[in-house]
Amino acid sequence: TVAVLERDAGPIDQSRALLVHPRTLELWRPLGITDE
């Protein structure tokens, strides 16, 4: 059971960080989001 709290009013709408490394894509694969 998880609660996620965020002080911002909603998702960001700026580019900010741009680079996703291969290791991140590897970690995302079992989460089901790498292909997208």
ModelCIF file with pLDDT and N, C-alpha, C, O atoms, coordinates in Angstrom:
data_MODEL
#
_entry.id   MODEL 
#
_entity.id                         1 
_entity.type                       polymer 
_entity.pdbx_number_of_molecules   1 
#
_entity_poly.entity_id                      1 
_entity_poly.type                           'polypeptide(L)' 
_entity_poly.nstd_linkage                   no 
_entity_poly.nstd_monomer                   no 
_entity_poly.pdbx_seq_one_letter_code       TVAVLERDAGPIDQSRALLVHPRTLELWRPLGITDE 
_entity_poly.pdbx_seq_one_letter_code_can   TVAVLERDAGPIDQSRALLVHPRTLELWRPLGITDE 
_entity_poly.pdbx_strand_id                 A 
#
loop_
_entity_poly_seq.entity_id 
_entity_poly_seq.num 
_entity_poly_seq.mon_id 
_entity_poly_seq.hetero 
1 1  THR n 
1 2  VAL n 
1 3  ALA n 
1 4  VAL n 
1 5  LEU n 
1 6  GLU n 
1 7  ARG n 
1 8  ASP n 
1 9  ALA n 
1 10 GLY n 
1 11 PRO n 
1 12 ILE n 
1 13 ASP n 
1 14 GLN n 
1 15 SER n 
1 16 ARG n 
1 17 ALA n 
1 18 LEU n 
1 19 LEU n 
1 20 VAL n 
1 21 HIS n 
1 22 PRO n 
1 23 ARG n 
1 24 THR n 
1 25 LEU n 
1 26 GLU n 
1 27 LEU n 
1 28 TRP n 
1 29 ARG n 
1 30 PRO n 
1 31 LEU n 
1 32 GLY n 
1 33 ILE n 
1 34 THR n 
1 35 ASP n 
1 36 GLU n 
#
_struct_asym.id          A 
_struct_asym.entity_id   1 
#
loop_
_ma_qa_metric.id 
_ma_qa_metric.mode 
_ma_qa_metric.name 
_ma_qa_metric.software_group_id 
_ma_qa_metric.type 
1 global pLDDT . pLDDT 
2 local  pLDDT . pLDDT 
#
_ma_qa_metric_global.metric_id      1 
_ma_qa_metric_global.metric_value   95.44 
_ma_qa_metric_global.model_id       1 
_ma_qa_metric_global.ordinal_id     1 
#
loop_
_ma_qa_metric_local.label_asym_id 
_ma_qa_metric_local.label_comp_id 
_ma_qa_metric_local.label_seq_id 
_ma_qa_metric_local.metric_id 
_ma_qa_metric_local.metric_value 
_ma_qa_metric_local.model_id 
_ma_qa_metric_local.ordinal_id 
A THR 1  2 98.00 1 1  
A VAL 2  2 98.00 1 2  
A ALA 3  2 98.00 1 3  
A VAL 4  2 98.00 1 4  
A LEU 5  2 98.00 1 5  
A GLU 6  2 98.00 1 6  
A ARG 7  2 96.00 1 7  
A ASP 8  2 96.00 1 8  
A ALA 9  2 97.00 1 9  
A GLY 10 2 97.00 1 10 
A PRO 11 2 97.00 1 11 
A ILE 12 2 95.00 1 12 
A ASP 13 2 94.00 1 13 
A GLN 14 2 92.00 1 14 
A SER 15 2 92.00 1 15 
A ARG 16 2 91.00 1 16 
A ALA 17 2 90.00 1 17 
A LEU 18 2 91.00 1 18 
A LEU 19 2 92.00 1 19 
A VAL 20 2 95.00 1 20 
A HIS 21 2 93.00 1 21 
A PRO 22 2 94.00 1 22 
A ARG 23 2 94.00 1 23 
A THR 24 2 95.00 1 24 
A LEU 25 2 96.00 1 25 
A GLU 26 2 96.00 1 26 
A LEU 27 2 95.00 1 27 
A TRP 28 2 96.00 1 28 
A ARG 29 2 97.00 1 29 
A PRO 30 2 97.00 1 30 
A LEU 31 2 97.00 1 31 
A GLY 32 2 96.00 1 32 
A ILE 33 2 96.00 1 33 
A THR 34 2 97.00 1 34 
A ASP 35 2 97.00 1 35 
A GLU 36 2 97.00 1 36 
#
loop_
_atom_site.group_PDB 
_atom_site.id 
_atom_site.type_symbol 
_atom_site.label_atom_id 
_atom_site.label_alt_id 
_atom_site.label_comp_id 
_atom_site.label_asym_id 
_atom_site.label_entity_id 
_atom_site.label_seq_id 
_atom_site.pdbx_PDB_ins_code 
_atom_site.Cartn_x 
_atom_site.Cartn_y 
_atom_site.Cartn_z 
_atom_site.occupancy 
_atom_site.B_iso_or_equiv 
_atom_site.pdbx_formal_charge 
_atom_site.auth_seq_id 
_atom_site.auth_comp_id 
_atom_site.auth_asym_id 
_atom_site.auth_atom_id 
_atom_site.pdbx_PDB_model_num 
ATOM 1   N N  . THR A 1 1  ? 0.865  -1.177 0.000   1.00 98.00 ? 1  THR A N  1 
ATOM 2   C CA . THR A 1 1  ? 0.000  0.000  0.000   1.00 98.00 ? 1  THR A CA 1 
ATOM 3   C C  . THR A 1 1  ? 0.902  1.227  0.000   1.00 98.00 ? 1  THR A C  1 
ATOM 4   O O  . THR A 1 1  ? 1.836  1.327  0.796   1.00 98.00 ? 1  THR A O  1 
ATOM 5   N N  . VAL A 1 2  ? 0.609  2.159  -0.903  1.00 98.00 ? 2  VAL A N  1 
ATOM 6   C CA . VAL A 1 2  ? 1.504  3.293  -1.148  1.00 98.00 ? 2  VAL A CA 1 
ATOM 7   C C  . VAL A 1 2  ? 0.705  4.581  -1.181  1.00 98.00 ? 2  VAL A C  1 
ATOM 8   O O  . VAL A 1 2  ? -0.405 4.618  -1.713  1.00 98.00 ? 2  VAL A O  1 
ATOM 9   N N  . ALA A 1 3  ? 1.266  5.635  -0.614  1.00 98.00 ? 3  ALA A N  1 
ATOM 10  C CA . ALA A 1 3  ? 0.734  6.989  -0.779  1.00 98.00 ? 3  ALA A CA 1 
ATOM 11  C C  . ALA A 1 3  ? 1.830  7.825  -1.410  1.00 98.00 ? 3  ALA A C  1 
ATOM 12  O O  . ALA A 1 3  ? 2.963  7.838  -0.929  1.00 98.00 ? 3  ALA A O  1 
ATOM 13  N N  . VAL A 1 4  ? 1.490  8.534  -2.501  1.00 98.00 ? 4  VAL A N  1 
ATOM 14  C CA . VAL A 1 4  ? 2.442  9.419  -3.171  1.00 98.00 ? 4  VAL A CA 1 
ATOM 15  C C  . VAL A 1 4  ? 1.973  10.856 -2.958  1.00 98.00 ? 4  VAL A C  1 
ATOM 16  O O  . VAL A 1 4  ? 0.876  11.226 -3.376  1.00 98.00 ? 4  VAL A O  1 
ATOM 17  N N  . LEU A 1 5  ? 2.812  11.664 -2.303  1.00 98.00 ? 5  LEU A N  1 
ATOM 18  C CA . LEU A 1 5  ? 2.483  13.054 -2.039  1.00 98.00 ? 5  LEU A CA 1 
ATOM 19  C C  . LEU A 1 5  ? 3.381  13.963 -2.875  1.00 98.00 ? 5  LEU A C  1 
ATOM 20  O O  . LEU A 1 5  ? 4.585  13.732 -2.985  1.00 98.00 ? 5  LEU A O  1 
ATOM 21  N N  . GLU A 1 6  ? 2.782  14.994 -3.460  1.00 98.00 ? 6  GLU A N  1 
ATOM 22  C CA . GLU A 1 6  ? 3.537  15.931 -4.288  1.00 98.00 ? 6  GLU A CA 1 
ATOM 23  C C  . GLU A 1 6  ? 3.062  17.344 -4.005  1.00 98.00 ? 6  GLU A C  1 
ATOM 24  O O  . GLU A 1 6  ? 1.863  17.621 -4.021  1.00 98.00 ? 6  GLU A O  1 
ATOM 25  N N  . ARG A 1 7  ? 4.016  18.245 -3.744  1.00 96.00 ? 7  ARG A N  1 
ATOM 26  C CA . ARG A 1 7  ? 3.650  19.628 -3.419  1.00 96.00 ? 7  ARG A CA 1 
ATOM 27  C C  . ARG A 1 7  ? 3.143  20.401 -4.632  1.00 96.00 ? 7  ARG A C  1 
ATOM 28  O O  . ARG A 1 7  ? 2.355  21.334 -4.478  1.00 96.00 ? 7  ARG A O  1 
ATOM 29  N N  . ASP A 1 8  ? 3.585  20.025 -5.854  1.00 96.00 ? 8  ASP A N  1 
ATOM 30  C CA . ASP A 1 8  ? 3.080  20.698 -7.051  1.00 96.00 ? 8  ASP A CA 1 
ATOM 31  C C  . ASP A 1 8  ? 1.596  20.406 -7.236  1.00 96.00 ? 8  ASP A C  1 
ATOM 32  O O  . ASP A 1 8  ? 1.080  19.405 -6.740  1.00 96.00 ? 8  ASP A O  1 
ATOM 33  N N  . ALA A 1 9  ? 0.920  21.295 -7.957  1.00 97.00 ? 9  ALA A N  1 
ATOM 34  C CA . ALA A 1 9  ? -0.525 21.166 -8.154  1.00 97.00 ? 9  ALA A CA 1 
ATOM 35  C C  . ALA A 1 9  ? -0.890 20.113 -9.197  1.00 97.00 ? 9  ALA A C  1 
ATOM 36  O O  . ALA A 1 9  ? -2.046 19.696 -9.276  1.00 97.00 ? 9  ALA A O  1 
ATOM 37  N N  . GLY A 1 10 ? 0.081  19.682 -9.996  1.00 97.00 ? 10 GLY A N  1 
ATOM 38  C CA . GLY A 1 10 ? -0.190 18.691 -11.034 1.00 97.00 ? 10 GLY A CA 1 
ATOM 39  C C  . GLY A 1 10 ? 1.088  18.350 -11.769 1.00 97.00 ? 10 GLY A C  1 
ATOM 40  O O  . GLY A 1 10 ? 2.163  18.832 -11.411 1.00 97.00 ? 10 GLY A O  1 
ATOM 41  N N  . PRO A 1 11 ? 0.978  17.519 -12.799 1.00 97.00 ? 11 PRO A N  1 
ATOM 42  C CA . PRO A 1 11 ? 2.168  17.136 -13.558 1.00 97.00 ? 11 PRO A CA 1 
ATOM 43  C C  . PRO A 1 11 ? 2.856  18.346 -14.187 1.00 97.00 ? 11 PRO A C  1 
ATOM 44  O O  . PRO A 1 11 ? 2.222  19.368 -14.451 1.00 97.00 ? 11 PRO A O  1 
ATOM 45  N N  . ILE A 1 12 ? 4.152  18.215 -14.420 1.00 95.00 ? 12 ILE A N  1 
ATOM 46  C CA . ILE A 1 12 ? 4.906  19.300 -15.038 1.00 95.00 ? 12 ILE A CA 1 
ATOM 47  C C  . ILE A 1 12 ? 4.530  19.423 -16.511 1.00 95.00 ? 12 ILE A C  1 
ATOM 48  O O  . ILE A 1 12 ? 3.995  18.487 -17.105 1.00 95.00 ? 12 ILE A O  1 
ATOM 49  N N  . ASP A 1 13 ? 4.817  20.593 -17.098 1.00 94.00 ? 13 ASP A N  1 
ATOM 50  C CA . ASP A 1 13 ? 4.561  20.773 -18.525 1.00 94.00 ? 13 ASP A CA 1 
ATOM 51  C C  . ASP A 1 13 ? 5.807  21.302 -19.243 1.00 94.00 ? 13 ASP A C  1 
ATOM 52  O O  . ASP A 1 13 ? 5.703  21.854 -20.338 1.00 94.00 ? 13 ASP A O  1 
ATOM 53  N N  . GLN A 1 14 ? 6.981  21.135 -18.629 1.00 92.00 ? 14 GLN A N  1 
ATOM 54  C CA . GLN A 1 14 ? 8.236  21.549 -19.250 1.00 92.00 ? 14 GLN A CA 1 
ATOM 55  C C  . GLN A 1 14 ? 9.080  20.321 -19.609 1.00 92.00 ? 14 GLN A C  1 
ATOM 56  O O  . GLN A 1 14 ? 8.840  19.214 -19.126 1.00 92.00 ? 14 GLN A O  1 
ATOM 57  N N  . SER A 1 15 ? 10.070 20.553 -20.466 1.00 92.00 ? 15 SER A N  1 
ATOM 58  C CA . SER A 1 15 ? 10.955 19.457 -20.887 1.00 92.00 ? 15 SER A CA 1 
ATOM 59  C C  . SER A 1 15 ? 11.808 18.946 -19.729 1.00 92.00 ? 15 SER A C  1 
ATOM 60  O O  . SER A 1 15 ? 11.840 17.747 -19.453 1.00 92.00 ? 15 SER A O  1 
ATOM 61  N N  . ARG A 1 16 ? 12.498 19.868 -19.054 1.00 91.00 ? 16 ARG A N  1 
ATOM 62  C CA . ARG A 1 16 ? 13.431 19.546 -17.966 1.00 91.00 ? 16 ARG A CA 1 
ATOM 63  C C  . ARG A 1 16 ? 14.439 18.486 -18.414 1.00 91.00 ? 16 ARG A C  1 
ATOM 64  O O  . ARG A 1 16 ? 15.058 18.638 -19.467 1.00 91.00 ? 16 ARG A O  1 
ATOM 65  N N  . ALA A 1 17 ? 14.614 17.417 -17.636 1.00 90.00 ? 17 ALA A N  1 
ATOM 66  C CA . ALA A 1 17 ? 15.598 16.387 -17.995 1.00 90.00 ? 17 ALA A CA 1 
ATOM 67  C C  . ALA A 1 17 ? 15.184 15.711 -19.301 1.00 90.00 ? 17 ALA A C  1 
ATOM 68  O O  . ALA A 1 17 ? 14.006 15.437 -19.527 1.00 90.00 ? 17 ALA A O  1 
ATOM 69  N N  . LEU A 1 18 ? 16.177 15.446 -20.158 1.00 91.00 ? 18 LEU A N  1 
ATOM 70  C CA . LEU A 1 18 ? 15.868 14.959 -21.499 1.00 91.00 ? 18 LEU A CA 1 
ATOM 71  C C  . LEU A 1 18 ? 16.382 13.556 -21.806 1.00 91.00 ? 18 LEU A C  1 
ATOM 72  O O  . LEU A 1 18 ? 15.891 12.913 -22.734 1.00 91.00 ? 18 LEU A O  1 
ATOM 73  N N  . LEU A 1 19 ? 17.358 13.069 -21.048 1.00 92.00 ? 19 LEU A N  1 
ATOM 74  C CA . LEU A 1 19 ? 18.060 11.843 -21.429 1.00 92.00 ? 19 LEU A CA 1 
ATOM 75  C C  . LEU A 1 19 ? 17.659 10.663 -20.545 1.00 92.00 ? 19 LEU A C  1 
ATOM 76  O O  . LEU A 1 19 ? 17.677 10.748 -19.317 1.00 92.00 ? 19 LEU A O  1 
ATOM 77  N N  . VAL A 1 20 ? 17.297 9.565  -21.200 1.00 95.00 ? 20 VAL A N  1 
ATOM 78  C CA . VAL A 1 20 ? 17.016 8.307  -20.504 1.00 95.00 ? 20 VAL A CA 1 
ATOM 79  C C  . VAL A 1 20 ? 18.110 7.321  -20.902 1.00 95.00 ? 20 VAL A C  1 
ATOM 80  O O  . VAL A 1 20 ? 18.305 7.044  -22.086 1.00 95.00 ? 20 VAL A O  1 
ATOM 81  N N  . HIS A 1 21 ? 18.817 6.798  -19.913 1.00 93.00 ? 21 HIS A N  1 
ATOM 82  C CA . HIS A 1 21 ? 19.929 5.892  -20.180 1.00 93.00 ? 21 HIS A CA 1 
ATOM 83  C C  . HIS A 1 21 ? 19.442 4.452  -20.383 1.00 93.00 ? 21 HIS A C  1 
ATOM 84  O O  . HIS A 1 21 ? 18.335 4.108  -19.968 1.00 93.00 ? 21 HIS A O  1 
ATOM 85  N N  . PRO A 1 22 ? 20.265 3.613  -21.021 1.00 94.00 ? 22 PRO A N  1 
ATOM 86  C CA . PRO A 1 22 ? 19.882 2.209  -21.239 1.00 94.00 ? 22 PRO A CA 1 
ATOM 87  C C  . PRO A 1 22 ? 19.491 1.477  -19.962 1.00 94.00 ? 22 PRO A C  1 
ATOM 88  O O  . PRO A 1 22 ? 18.544 0.690  -19.969 1.00 94.00 ? 22 PRO A O  1 
ATOM 89  N N  . ARG A 1 23 ? 20.205 1.723  -18.869 1.00 94.00 ? 23 ARG A N  1 
ATOM 90  C CA . ARG A 1 23 ? 19.888 1.008  -17.627 1.00 94.00 ? 23 ARG A CA 1 
ATOM 91  C C  . ARG A 1 23 ? 18.486 1.352  -17.147 1.00 94.00 ? 23 ARG A C  1 
ATOM 92  O O  . ARG A 1 23 ? 17.791 0.497  -16.599 1.00 94.00 ? 23 ARG A O  1 
ATOM 93  N N  . THR A 1 24 ? 18.065 2.596  -17.349 1.00 95.00 ? 24 THR A N  1 
ATOM 94  C CA . THR A 1 24 ? 16.700 2.978  -16.977 1.00 95.00 ? 24 THR A CA 1 
ATOM 95  C C  . THR A 1 24 ? 15.691 2.216  -17.821 1.00 95.00 ? 24 THR A C  1 
ATOM 96  O O  . THR A 1 24 ? 14.683 1.737  -17.302 1.00 95.00 ? 24 THR A O  1 
ATOM 97  N N  . LEU A 1 25 ? 15.953 2.100  -19.119 1.00 96.00 ? 25 LEU A N  1 
ATOM 98  C CA . LEU A 1 25 ? 15.055 1.343  -19.996 1.00 96.00 ? 25 LEU A CA 1 
ATOM 99  C C  . LEU A 1 25 ? 14.990 -0.121 -19.572 1.00 96.00 ? 25 LEU A C  1 
ATOM 100 O O  . LEU A 1 25 ? 13.931 -0.745 -19.643 1.00 96.00 ? 25 LEU A O  1 
ATOM 101 N N  . GLU A 1 26 ? 16.127 -0.669 -19.130 1.00 96.00 ? 26 GLU A N  1 
ATOM 102 C CA . GLU A 1 26 ? 16.138 -2.045 -18.623 1.00 96.00 ? 26 GLU A CA 1 
ATOM 103 C C  . GLU A 1 26 ? 15.257 -2.179 -17.383 1.00 96.00 ? 26 GLU A C  1 
ATOM 104 O O  . GLU A 1 26 ? 14.489 -3.131 -17.247 1.00 96.00 ? 26 GLU A O  1 
ATOM 105 N N  . LEU A 1 27 ? 15.386 -1.198 -16.477 1.00 95.00 ? 27 LEU A N  1 
ATOM 106 C CA . LEU A 1 27 ? 14.598 -1.241 -15.240 1.00 95.00 ? 27 LEU A CA 1 
ATOM 107 C C  . LEU A 1 27 ? 13.116 -1.035 -15.510 1.00 95.00 ? 27 LEU A C  1 
ATOM 108 O O  . LEU A 1 27 ? 12.271 -1.592 -14.809 1.00 95.00 ? 27 LEU A O  1 
ATOM 109 N N  . TRP A 1 28 ? 12.797 -0.237 -16.523 1.00 96.00 ? 28 TRP A N  1 
ATOM 110 C CA . TRP A 1 28 ? 11.390 0.025  -16.858 1.00 96.00 ? 28 TRP A CA 1 
ATOM 111 C C  . TRP A 1 28 ? 10.723 -1.160 -17.546 1.00 96.00 ? 28 TRP A C  1 
ATOM 112 O O  . TRP A 1 28 ? 9.497  -1.271 -17.530 1.00 96.00 ? 28 TRP A O  1 
ATOM 113 N N  . ARG A 1 29 ? 11.516 -2.051 -18.154 1.00 97.00 ? 29 ARG A N  1 
ATOM 114 C CA . ARG A 1 29 ? 10.920 -3.142 -18.935 1.00 97.00 ? 29 ARG A CA 1 
ATOM 115 C C  . ARG A 1 29 ? 9.933  -3.979 -18.116 1.00 97.00 ? 29 ARG A C  1 
ATOM 116 O O  . ARG A 1 29 ? 8.810  -4.187 -18.573 1.00 97.00 ? 29 ARG A O  1 
ATOM 117 N N  . PRO A 1 30 ? 10.302 -4.470 -16.923 1.00 97.00 ? 30 PRO A N  1 
ATOM 118 C CA . PRO A 1 30 ? 9.320  -5.252 -16.150 1.00 97.00 ? 30 PRO A CA 1 
ATOM 119 C C  . PRO A 1 30 ? 8.136  -4.422 -15.647 1.00 97.00 ? 30 PRO A C  1 
ATOM 120 O O  . PRO A 1 30 ? 7.122  -4.979 -15.228 1.00 97.00 ? 30 PRO A O  1 
ATOM 121 N N  . LEU A 1 31 ? 8.262  -3.100 -15.688 1.00 97.00 ? 31 LEU A N  1 
ATOM 122 C CA . LEU A 1 31 ? 7.148  -2.240 -15.285 1.00 97.00 ? 31 LEU A CA 1 
ATOM 123 C C  . LEU A 1 31 ? 6.157  -2.036 -16.425 1.00 97.00 ? 31 LEU A C  1 
ATOM 124 O O  . LEU A 1 31 ? 5.058  -1.520 -16.219 1.00 97.00 ? 31 LEU A O  1 
ATOM 125 N N  . GLY A 1 32 ? 6.557  -2.449 -17.638 1.00 96.00 ? 32 GLY A N  1 
ATOM 126 C CA . GLY A 1 32 ? 5.654  -2.369 -18.776 1.00 96.00 ? 32 GLY A CA 1 
ATOM 127 C C  . GLY A 1 32 ? 5.600  -1.028 -19.469 1.00 96.00 ? 32 GLY A C  1 
ATOM 128 O O  . GLY A 1 32 ? 4.603  -0.721 -20.124 1.00 96.00 ? 32 GLY A O  1 
ATOM 129 N N  . ILE A 1 33 ? 6.660  -0.198 -19.346 1.00 96.00 ? 33 ILE A N  1 
ATOM 130 C CA . ILE A 1 33 ? 6.589  1.118  -19.985 1.00 96.00 ? 33 ILE A CA 1 
ATOM 131 C C  . ILE A 1 33 ? 7.713  1.378  -20.983 1.00 96.00 ? 33 ILE A C  1 
ATOM 132 O O  . ILE A 1 33 ? 7.726  2.428  -21.624 1.00 96.00 ? 33 ILE A O  1 
ATOM 133 N N  . THR A 1 34 ? 8.651  0.452  -21.129 1.00 97.00 ? 34 THR A N  1 
ATOM 134 C CA . THR A 1 34 ? 9.790  0.694  -22.021 1.00 97.00 ? 34 THR A CA 1 
ATOM 135 C C  . THR A 1 34 ? 9.360  0.866  -23.471 1.00 97.00 ? 34 THR A C  1 
ATOM 136 O O  . THR A 1 34 ? 9.821  1.791  -24.141 1.00 97.00 ? 34 THR A O  1 
ATOM 137 N N  . ASP A 1 35 ? 8.494  0.003  -23.966 1.00 97.00 ? 35 ASP A N  1 
ATOM 138 C CA . ASP A 1 35 ? 8.080  0.091  -25.375 1.00 97.00 ? 35 ASP A CA 1 
ATOM 139 C C  . ASP A 1 35 ? 7.434  1.437  -25.676 1.00 97.00 ? 35 ASP A C  1 
ATOM 140 O O  . ASP A 1 35 ? 7.700  2.033  -26.721 1.00 97.00 ? 35 ASP A O  1 
ATOM 141 N N  . GLU A 1 36 ? 6.595  1.917  -24.779 1.00 97.00 ? 36 GLU A N  1 
ATOM 142 C CA . GLU A 1 36 ? 5.931  3.194  -25.004 1.00 97.00 ? 36 GLU A CA 1 
ATOM 143 C C  . GLU A 1 36 ? 6.929  4.345  -24.893 1.00 97.00 ? 36 GLU A C  1 
ATOM 144 O O  . GLU A 1 36 ? 6.552  5.506  -25.053 1.00 97.00 ? 36 GLU A O  1 
#
